PDB file of N, CA and C in Angstrom:
ATOM      1  N   UNK A   1     115.685  50.561  93.732  1.00  0.00           N
ATOM      2  CA  UNK A   1     115.938  51.898  94.244  1.00  0.00           C
ATOM      3  C   UNK A   1     116.549  52.758  93.141  1.00  0.00           C
ATOM      4  N   UNK A   2     116.068  53.969  93.003  1.00  0.00           N
ATOM      5  CA  UNK A   2     116.539  54.874  91.949  1.00  0.00           C
ATOM      6  C   UNK A   2     117.931  55.405  92.283  1.00  0.00           C
ATOM      7  N   UNK A   3     118.673  55.728  91.235  1.00  0.00           N
ATOM      8  CA  UNK A   3     120.013  56.269  91.404  1.00  0.00           C
ATOM      9  C   UNK A   3     119.973  57.760  91.691  1.00  0.00           C
ATOM     10  N   UNK A   4     120.992  58.226  92.401  1.00  0.00           N
ATOM     11  CA  UNK A   4     121.103  59.660  92.639  1.00  0.00           C
ATOM     12  C   UNK A   4     121.544  60.327  91.345  1.00  0.00           C
ATOM     13  N   UNK A   5     121.205  61.603  91.201  1.00  0.00           N
ATOM     14  CA  UNK A   5     121.481  62.340  89.971  1.00  0.00           C
ATOM     15  C   UNK A   5     122.610  63.345  90.199  1.00  0.00           C
ATOM     16  N   UNK A   6     123.513  63.418  89.236  1.00  0.00           N
ATOM     17  CA  UNK A   6     124.659  64.319  89.321  1.00  0.00           C
ATOM     18  C   UNK A   6     124.499  65.424  88.285  1.00  0.00           C
ATOM     19  N   UNK A   7     124.637  66.678  88.741  1.00  0.00           N
ATOM     20  CA  UNK A   7     124.485  67.830  87.858  1.00  0.00           C
ATOM     21  C   UNK A   7     125.602  68.827  88.087  1.00  0.00           C
ATOM     22  N   UNK A   8     125.917  69.559  87.049  1.00  0.00           N
ATOM     23  CA  UNK A   8     126.782  70.724  87.165  1.00  0.00           C
ATOM     24  C   UNK A   8     125.855  71.890  87.498  1.00  0.00           C
ATOM     25  N   UNK A   9     126.166  72.652  88.548  1.00  0.00           N
ATOM     26  CA  UNK A   9     125.243  73.679  89.032  1.00  0.00           C
ATOM     27  C   UNK A   9     125.974  74.953  89.433  1.00  0.00           C
ATOM     28  N   UNK A  10     125.175  75.990  89.649  1.00  0.00           N
ATOM     29  CA  UNK A  10     125.625  77.219  90.310  1.00  0.00           C
ATOM     30  C   UNK A  10     124.768  77.361  91.559  1.00  0.00           C
ATOM     31  N   UNK A  11     125.405  77.645  92.693  1.00  0.00           N
ATOM     32  CA  UNK A  11     124.706  77.767  93.972  1.00  0.00           C
ATOM     33  C   UNK A  11     125.034  79.123  94.578  1.00  0.00           C
ATOM     34  N   UNK A  12     124.001  79.802  95.049  1.00  0.00           N
ATOM     35  CA  UNK A  12     124.167  81.088  95.723  1.00  0.00           C
ATOM     36  C   UNK A  12     123.541  81.003  97.101  1.00  0.00           C
ATOM     37  N   UNK A  13     124.295  81.383  98.125  1.00  0.00           N
ATOM     38  CA  UNK A  13     123.748  81.452  99.476  1.00  0.00           C
ATOM     39  C   UNK A  13     122.993  82.764  99.591  1.00  0.00           C
ATOM     40  N   UNK A  14     121.680  82.680  99.835  1.00  0.00           N
ATOM     41  CA  UNK A  14     120.816  83.864  99.824  1.00  0.00           C
ATOM     42  C   UNK A  14     120.638  84.518 101.193  1.00  0.00           C
ATOM     43  N   UNK A  15     121.017  83.836 102.276  1.00  0.00           N
ATOM     44  CA  UNK A  15     120.911  84.418 103.613  1.00  0.00           C
ATOM     45  C   UNK A  15     122.238  84.292 104.335  1.00  0.00           C
ATOM     46  N   UNK A  16     122.492  85.220 105.253  1.00  0.00           N
ATOM     47  CA  UNK A  16     123.676  85.182 106.107  1.00  0.00           C
ATOM     48  C   UNK A  16     123.183  85.321 107.540  1.00  0.00           C
ATOM     49  N   UNK A  17     123.409  84.313 108.347  1.00  0.00           N
ATOM     50  CA  UNK A  17     122.912  84.275 109.723  1.00  0.00           C
ATOM     51  C   UNK A  17     121.405  84.488 109.775  1.00  0.00           C
ATOM     52  N   UNK A  18     120.698  83.948 108.789  1.00  0.00           N
ATOM     53  CA  UNK A  18     119.241  84.013 108.750  1.00  0.00           C
ATOM     54  C   UNK A  18     118.662  85.260 108.113  1.00  0.00           C
ATOM     55  N   UNK A  19     119.480  86.273 107.836  1.00  0.00           N
ATOM     56  CA  UNK A  19     118.998  87.522 107.236  1.00  0.00           C
ATOM     57  C   UNK A  19     119.228  87.503 105.729  1.00  0.00           C
ATOM     58  N   UNK A  20     118.227  87.924 104.956  1.00  0.00           N
ATOM     59  CA  UNK A  20     118.316  87.952 103.496  1.00  0.00           C
ATOM     60  C   UNK A  20     119.393  88.938 103.048  1.00  0.00           C
ATOM     61  N   UNK A  21     120.205  88.524 102.085  1.00  0.00           N
ATOM     62  CA  UNK A  21     121.241  89.380 101.504  1.00  0.00           C
ATOM     63  C   UNK A  21     120.915  89.555 100.025  1.00  0.00           C
ATOM     64  N   UNK A  22     120.641  90.784  99.579  1.00  0.00           N
ATOM     65  CA  UNK A  22     120.273  91.047  98.192  1.00  0.00           C
ATOM     66  C   UNK A  22     121.418  90.632  97.272  1.00  0.00           C
ATOM     67  N   UNK A  23     121.114  89.825  96.273  1.00  0.00           N
ATOM     68  CA  UNK A  23     122.122  89.364  95.312  1.00  0.00           C
ATOM     69  C   UNK A  23     122.901  88.159  95.793  1.00  0.00           C
ATOM     70  N   UNK A  24     122.678  87.730  97.011  1.00  0.00           N
ATOM     71  CA  UNK A  24     123.361  86.544  97.529  1.00  0.00           C
ATOM     72  C   UNK A  24     124.623  86.874  98.292  1.00  0.00           C
ATOM     73  N   UNK A  25     125.088  85.912  99.051  1.00  0.00           N
ATOM     74  CA  UNK A  25     126.241  86.097  99.939  1.00  0.00           C
ATOM     75  C   UNK A  25     127.462  85.348  99.424  1.00  0.00           C
ATOM     76  N   UNK A  26     127.351  84.055  99.261  1.00  0.00           N
ATOM     77  CA  UNK A  26     128.426  83.220  98.714  1.00  0.00           C
ATOM     78  C   UNK A  26     127.962  82.598  97.408  1.00  0.00           C
ATOM     79  N   UNK A  27     128.894  82.432  96.470  1.00  0.00           N
ATOM     80  CA  UNK A  27     128.570  81.826  95.183  1.00  0.00           C
ATOM     81  C   UNK A  27     129.493  80.631  94.956  1.00  0.00           C
ATOM     82  N   UNK A  28     128.916  79.522  94.547  1.00  0.00           N
ATOM     83  CA  UNK A  28     129.660  78.300  94.282  1.00  0.00           C
ATOM     84  C   UNK A  28     129.287  77.784  92.894  1.00  0.00           C
ATOM     85  N   UNK A  29     130.202  77.007  92.296  1.00  0.00           N
ATOM     86  CA  UNK A  29     129.874  76.306  91.058  1.00  0.00           C
ATOM     87  C   UNK A  29     130.599  74.975  91.064  1.00  0.00           C
ATOM     88  N   UNK A  30     130.015  73.993  90.423  1.00  0.00           N
ATOM     89  CA  UNK A  30     130.624  72.676  90.367  1.00  0.00           C
ATOM     90  C   UNK A  30     129.579  71.597  90.307  1.00  0.00           C
ATOM     91  N   UNK A  31     129.933  70.414  90.821  1.00  0.00           N
ATOM     92  CA  UNK A  31     129.047  69.251  90.746  1.00  0.00           C
ATOM     93  C   UNK A  31     128.349  69.012  92.073  1.00  0.00           C
ATOM     94  N   UNK A  32     127.075  68.679  92.004  1.00  0.00           N
ATOM     95  CA  UNK A  32     126.311  68.280  93.185  1.00  0.00           C
ATOM     96  C   UNK A  32     125.587  66.975  92.888  1.00  0.00           C
ATOM     97  N   UNK A  33     125.104  66.357  93.945  1.00  0.00           N
ATOM     98  CA  UNK A  33     124.307  65.146  93.828  1.00  0.00           C
ATOM     99  C   UNK A  33     122.917  65.441  94.363  1.00  0.00           C
ATOM    100  N   UNK A  34     121.900  65.069  93.601  1.00  0.00           N
ATOM    101  CA  UNK A  34     120.515  65.233  94.026  1.00  0.00           C
ATOM    102  C   UNK A  34     119.934  63.872  94.365  1.00  0.00           C
ATOM    103  N   UNK A  35     118.980  63.856  95.300  1.00  0.00           N
ATOM    104  CA  UNK A  35     118.224  62.631  95.557  1.00  0.00           C
ATOM    105  C   UNK A  35     117.373  62.351  94.315  1.00  0.00           C
ATOM    106  N   UNK A  36     116.870  61.136  94.166  1.00  0.00           N
ATOM    107  CA  UNK A  36     116.072  60.799  92.973  1.00  0.00           C
ATOM    108  C   UNK A  36     114.859  61.707  92.769  1.00  0.00           C
ATOM    109  N   UNK A  37     114.307  62.270  93.830  1.00  0.00           N
ATOM    110  CA  UNK A  37     113.126  63.135  93.727  1.00  0.00           C
ATOM    111  C   UNK A  37     113.481  64.621  93.735  1.00  0.00           C
ATOM    112  N   UNK A  38     114.776  64.954  93.787  1.00  0.00           N
ATOM    113  CA  UNK A  38     115.285  66.329  93.853  1.00  0.00           C
ATOM    114  C   UNK A  38     114.881  67.047  95.145  1.00  0.00           C
ATOM    115  N   UNK A  39     114.455  66.308  96.171  1.00  0.00           N
ATOM    116  CA  UNK A  39     114.106  66.933  97.450  1.00  0.00           C
ATOM    117  C   UNK A  39     115.327  67.251  98.298  1.00  0.00           C
ATOM    118  N   UNK A  40     116.463  66.608  98.018  1.00  0.00           N
ATOM    119  CA  UNK A  40     117.696  66.879  98.740  1.00  0.00           C
ATOM    120  C   UNK A  40     118.825  67.093  97.743  1.00  0.00           C
ATOM    121  N   UNK A  41     119.729  67.993  98.114  1.00  0.00           N
ATOM    122  CA  UNK A  41     120.898  68.323  97.294  1.00  0.00           C
ATOM    123  C   UNK A  41     122.116  68.205  98.208  1.00  0.00           C
ATOM    124  N   UNK A  42     123.163  67.535  97.737  1.00  0.00           N
ATOM    125  CA  UNK A  42     124.364  67.316  98.539  1.00  0.00           C
ATOM    126  C   UNK A  42     125.559  67.945  97.833  1.00  0.00           C
ATOM    127  N   UNK A  43     126.271  68.844  98.531  1.00  0.00           N
ATOM    128  CA  UNK A  43     127.478  69.429  97.962  1.00  0.00           C
ATOM    129  C   UNK A  43     128.411  69.874  99.071  1.00  0.00           C
ATOM    130  N   UNK A  44     129.692  69.652  98.863  1.00  0.00           N
ATOM    131  CA  UNK A  44     130.720  70.172  99.754  1.00  0.00           C
ATOM    132  C   UNK A  44     130.446  69.842 101.224  1.00  0.00           C
ATOM    133  N   UNK A  45     129.877  68.675 101.501  1.00  0.00           N
ATOM    134  CA  UNK A  45     129.586  68.280 102.875  1.00  0.00           C
ATOM    135  C   UNK A  45     128.332  68.902 103.462  1.00  0.00           C
ATOM    136  N   UNK A  46     127.557  69.614 102.659  1.00  0.00           N
ATOM    137  CA  UNK A  46     126.331  70.278 103.103  1.00  0.00           C
ATOM    138  C   UNK A  46     125.130  69.567 102.489  1.00  0.00           C
ATOM    139  N   UNK A  47     124.092  69.369 103.294  1.00  0.00           N
ATOM    140  CA  UNK A  47     122.848  68.779 102.798  1.00  0.00           C
ATOM    141  C   UNK A  47     121.777  69.855 102.759  1.00  0.00           C
ATOM    142  N   UNK A  48     121.193  70.049 101.574  1.00  0.00           N
ATOM    143  CA  UNK A  48     120.139  71.040 101.388  1.00  0.00           C
ATOM    144  C   UNK A  48     118.815  70.333 101.150  1.00  0.00           C
ATOM    145  N   UNK A  49     117.744  70.875 101.728  1.00  0.00           N
ATOM    146  CA  UNK A  49     116.408  70.319 101.555  1.00  0.00           C
ATOM    147  C   UNK A  49     115.561  71.298 100.750  1.00  0.00           C
ATOM    148  N   UNK A  50     114.786  70.781  99.812  1.00  0.00           N
ATOM    149  CA  UNK A  50     113.927  71.598  98.944  1.00  0.00           C
ATOM    150  C   UNK A  50     112.926  72.389  99.782  1.00  0.00           C
ATOM    151  N   UNK A  51     112.770  73.678  99.452  1.00  0.00           N
ATOM    152  CA  UNK A  51     111.783  74.531 100.097  1.00  0.00           C
ATOM    153  C   UNK A  51     110.561  74.569  99.197  1.00  0.00           C
ATOM    154  N   UNK A  52     109.435  74.165  99.712  1.00  0.00           N
ATOM    155  CA  UNK A  52     108.192  74.217  98.939  1.00  0.00           C
ATOM    156  C   UNK A  52     107.706  75.661  98.900  1.00  0.00           C
ATOM    157  N   UNK A  53     107.622  76.241  97.715  1.00  0.00           N
ATOM    158  CA  UNK A  53     107.174  77.624  97.565  1.00  0.00           C
ATOM    159  C   UNK A  53     108.285  78.654  97.607  1.00  0.00           C
ATOM    160  N   UNK A  54     109.480  78.272  98.020  1.00  0.00           N
ATOM    161  CA  UNK A  54     110.610  79.199  98.063  1.00  0.00           C
ATOM    162  C   UNK A  54     110.560  80.140  99.252  1.00  0.00           C
ATOM    163  N   UNK A  55     111.707  80.750  99.545  1.00  0.00           N
ATOM    164  CA  UNK A  55     111.803  81.714 100.630  1.00  0.00           C
ATOM    165  C   UNK A  55     113.085  82.526 100.453  1.00  0.00           C
ATOM    166  N   UNK A  56     113.027  83.824 100.631  1.00  0.00           N
ATOM    167  CA  UNK A  56     114.186  84.710 100.504  1.00  0.00           C
ATOM    168  C   UNK A  56     114.887  84.542  99.169  1.00  0.00           C
ATOM    169  N   UNK A  57     114.134  84.244  98.122  1.00  0.00           N
ATOM    170  CA  UNK A  57     114.716  84.093  96.795  1.00  0.00           C
ATOM    171  C   UNK A  57     115.408  82.765  96.577  1.00  0.00           C
ATOM    172  N   UNK A  58     115.320  81.848  97.541  1.00  0.00           N
ATOM    173  CA  UNK A  58     116.002  80.566  97.416  1.00  0.00           C
ATOM    174  C   UNK A  58     115.042  79.418  97.202  1.00  0.00           C
ATOM    175  N   UNK A  59     115.604  78.282  96.814  1.00  0.00           N
ATOM    176  CA  UNK A  59     114.778  77.103  96.595  1.00  0.00           C
ATOM    177  C   UNK A  59     115.213  75.900  97.425  1.00  0.00           C
ATOM    178  N   UNK A  60     116.316  76.018  98.175  1.00  0.00           N
ATOM    179  CA  UNK A  60     116.774  74.965  99.082  1.00  0.00           C
ATOM    180  C   UNK A  60     117.214  75.593 100.397  1.00  0.00           C
ATOM    181  N   UNK A  61     117.116  74.811 101.488  1.00  0.00           N
ATOM    182  CA  UNK A  61     117.507  75.274 102.814  1.00  0.00           C
ATOM    183  C   UNK A  61     118.477  74.271 103.415  1.00  0.00           C
ATOM    184  N   UNK A  62     119.539  74.765 104.066  1.00  0.00           N
ATOM    185  CA  UNK A  62     120.516  73.903 104.710  1.00  0.00           C
ATOM    186  C   UNK A  62     119.870  73.242 105.928  1.00  0.00           C
ATOM    187  N   UNK A  63     119.995  71.933 106.034  1.00  0.00           N
ATOM    188  CA  UNK A  63     119.395  71.205 107.150  1.00  0.00           C
ATOM    189  C   UNK A  63     120.051  71.590 108.472  1.00  0.00           C
ATOM    190  N   UNK A  64     121.375  71.816 108.473  1.00  0.00           N
ATOM    191  CA  UNK A  64     122.100  72.105 109.713  1.00  0.00           C
ATOM    192  C   UNK A  64     121.982  73.557 110.160  1.00  0.00           C
ATOM    193  N   UNK A  65     122.200  74.507 109.248  1.00  0.00           N
ATOM    194  CA  UNK A  65     122.273  75.920 109.641  1.00  0.00           C
ATOM    195  C   UNK A  65     120.987  76.703 109.403  1.00  0.00           C
ATOM    196  N   UNK A  66     120.104  76.207 108.537  1.00  0.00           N
ATOM    197  CA  UNK A  66     118.879  76.931 108.218  1.00  0.00           C
ATOM    198  C   UNK A  66     119.069  78.029 107.180  1.00  0.00           C
ATOM    199  N   UNK A  67     120.290  78.169 106.637  1.00  0.00           N
ATOM    200  CA  UNK A  67     120.547  79.175 105.604  1.00  0.00           C
ATOM    201  C   UNK A  67     119.828  78.779 104.314  1.00  0.00           C
ATOM    202  N   UNK A  68     119.424  79.777 103.520  1.00  0.00           N
ATOM    203  CA  UNK A  68     118.676  79.545 102.289  1.00  0.00           C
ATOM    204  C   UNK A  68     119.617  79.677 101.087  1.00  0.00           C
ATOM    205  N   UNK A  69     119.490  78.766 100.125  1.00  0.00           N
ATOM    206  CA  UNK A  69     120.334  78.731  98.932  1.00  0.00           C
ATOM    207  C   UNK A  69     119.470  78.714  97.679  1.00  0.00           C
ATOM    208  N   UNK A  70     120.006  79.281  96.586  1.00  0.00           N
ATOM    209  CA  UNK A  70     119.409  79.176  95.258  1.00  0.00           C
ATOM    210  C   UNK A  70     120.286  78.219  94.474  1.00  0.00           C
ATOM    211  N   UNK A  71     119.719  77.100  94.019  1.00  0.00           N
ATOM    212  CA  UNK A  71     120.447  76.089  93.248  1.00  0.00           C
ATOM    213  C   UNK A  71     119.924  76.119  91.819  1.00  0.00           C
ATOM    214  N   UNK A  72     120.831  76.325  90.854  1.00  0.00           N
ATOM    215  CA  UNK A  72     120.465  76.384  89.438  1.00  0.00           C
ATOM    216  C   UNK A  72     121.214  75.283  88.691  1.00  0.00           C
ATOM    217  N   UNK A  73     120.475  74.359  88.066  1.00  0.00           N
ATOM    218  CA  UNK A  73     121.084  73.249  87.324  1.00  0.00           C
ATOM    219  C   UNK A  73     121.493  73.722  85.923  1.00  0.00           C
ATOM    220  N   UNK A  74     122.682  73.294  85.500  1.00  0.00           N
ATOM    221  CA  UNK A  74     123.157  73.615  84.157  1.00  0.00           C
ATOM    222  C   UNK A  74     123.099  72.412  83.235  1.00  0.00           C
ATOM    223  N   UNK A  75     123.731  71.327  83.640  1.00  0.00           N
ATOM    224  CA  UNK A  75     123.766  70.148  82.778  1.00  0.00           C
ATOM    225  C   UNK A  75     123.889  68.881  83.617  1.00  0.00           C
ATOM    226  N   UNK A  76     123.278  67.816  83.107  1.00  0.00           N
ATOM    227  CA  UNK A  76     123.370  66.518  83.766  1.00  0.00           C
ATOM    228  C   UNK A  76     124.707  65.896  83.415  1.00  0.00           C
ATOM    229  N   UNK A  77     125.367  65.316  84.406  1.00  0.00           N
ATOM    230  CA  UNK A  77     126.661  64.685  84.190  1.00  0.00           C
ATOM    231  C   UNK A  77     126.479  63.193  83.967  1.00  0.00           C
ATOM    232  N   UNK A  78     127.305  62.643  83.106  1.00  0.00           N
ATOM    233  CA  UNK A  78     127.272  61.213  82.823  1.00  0.00           C
ATOM    234  C   UNK A  78     127.809  60.451  84.033  1.00  0.00           C
ATOM    235  N   UNK A  79     127.370  59.202  84.183  1.00  0.00           N
ATOM    236  CA  UNK A  79     127.809  58.385  85.318  1.00  0.00           C
ATOM    237  C   UNK A  79     129.320  58.178  85.307  1.00  0.00           C
ATOM    238  N   UNK A  80     129.907  57.959  84.140  1.00  0.00           N
ATOM    239  CA  UNK A  80     131.332  57.647  84.057  1.00  0.00           C
ATOM    240  C   UNK A  80     132.211  58.889  83.918  1.00  0.00           C
ATOM    241  N   UNK A  81     131.604  60.063  83.823  1.00  0.00           N
ATOM    242  CA  UNK A  81     132.377  61.280  83.663  1.00  0.00           C
ATOM    243  C   UNK A  81     133.120  61.597  84.962  1.00  0.00           C
ATOM    244  N   UNK A  82     134.355  62.064  84.834  1.00  0.00           N
ATOM    245  CA  UNK A  82     135.134  62.385  86.029  1.00  0.00           C
ATOM    246  C   UNK A  82     134.473  63.524  86.794  1.00  0.00           C
ATOM    247  N   UNK A  83     134.449  63.418  88.110  1.00  0.00           N
ATOM    248  CA  UNK A  83     133.768  64.390  88.972  1.00  0.00           C
ATOM    249  C   UNK A  83     134.687  65.547  89.345  1.00  0.00           C
ATOM    250  N   UNK A  84     134.118  66.768  89.372  1.00  0.00           N
ATOM    251  CA  UNK A  84     134.858  67.949  89.821  1.00  0.00           C
ATOM    252  C   UNK A  84     134.326  68.352  91.175  1.00  0.00           C
ATOM    253  N   UNK A  85     135.220  68.817  92.041  1.00  0.00           N
ATOM    254  CA  UNK A  85     134.791  69.267  93.360  1.00  0.00           C
ATOM    255  C   UNK A  85     134.172  70.651  93.249  1.00  0.00           C
ATOM    256  N   UNK A  86     133.289  70.979  94.210  1.00  0.00           N
ATOM    257  CA  UNK A  86     132.705  72.316  94.292  1.00  0.00           C
ATOM    258  C   UNK A  86     133.812  73.304  94.614  1.00  0.00           C
ATOM    259  N   UNK A  87     133.771  74.455  93.977  1.00  0.00           N
ATOM    260  CA  UNK A  87     134.791  75.472  94.246  1.00  0.00           C
ATOM    261  C   UNK A  87     134.122  76.827  94.397  1.00  0.00           C
ATOM    262  N   UNK A  88     134.725  77.696  95.201  1.00  0.00           N
ATOM    263  CA  UNK A  88     134.229  79.056  95.341  1.00  0.00           C
ATOM    264  C   UNK A  88     134.532  79.829  94.070  1.00  0.00           C
ATOM    265  N   UNK A  89     133.619  80.707  93.680  1.00  0.00           N
ATOM    266  CA  UNK A  89     133.811  81.521  92.489  1.00  0.00           C
ATOM    267  C   UNK A  89     134.378  82.855  92.890  1.00  0.00           C
TER     268      UNK A  89
END
């Protein structure tokens, strides 16, 4: 079984209550975990699923709320590197 991947990212919530918000609604930065195929992203207790083709300027959708997020990867983190929690910007 493949290992999950850890990345430093910037995340923007692109919808609020299902309605598109120009420029995004909430902005986060920090570490997330991706599934081996990058179809799921896990951060701050939220599970995001990859959107095929995108929607509302986003590339992932929250499984629970249906909100759309834009996830941008910055750098891959080493396995032994100390982890930082996601924080609001």
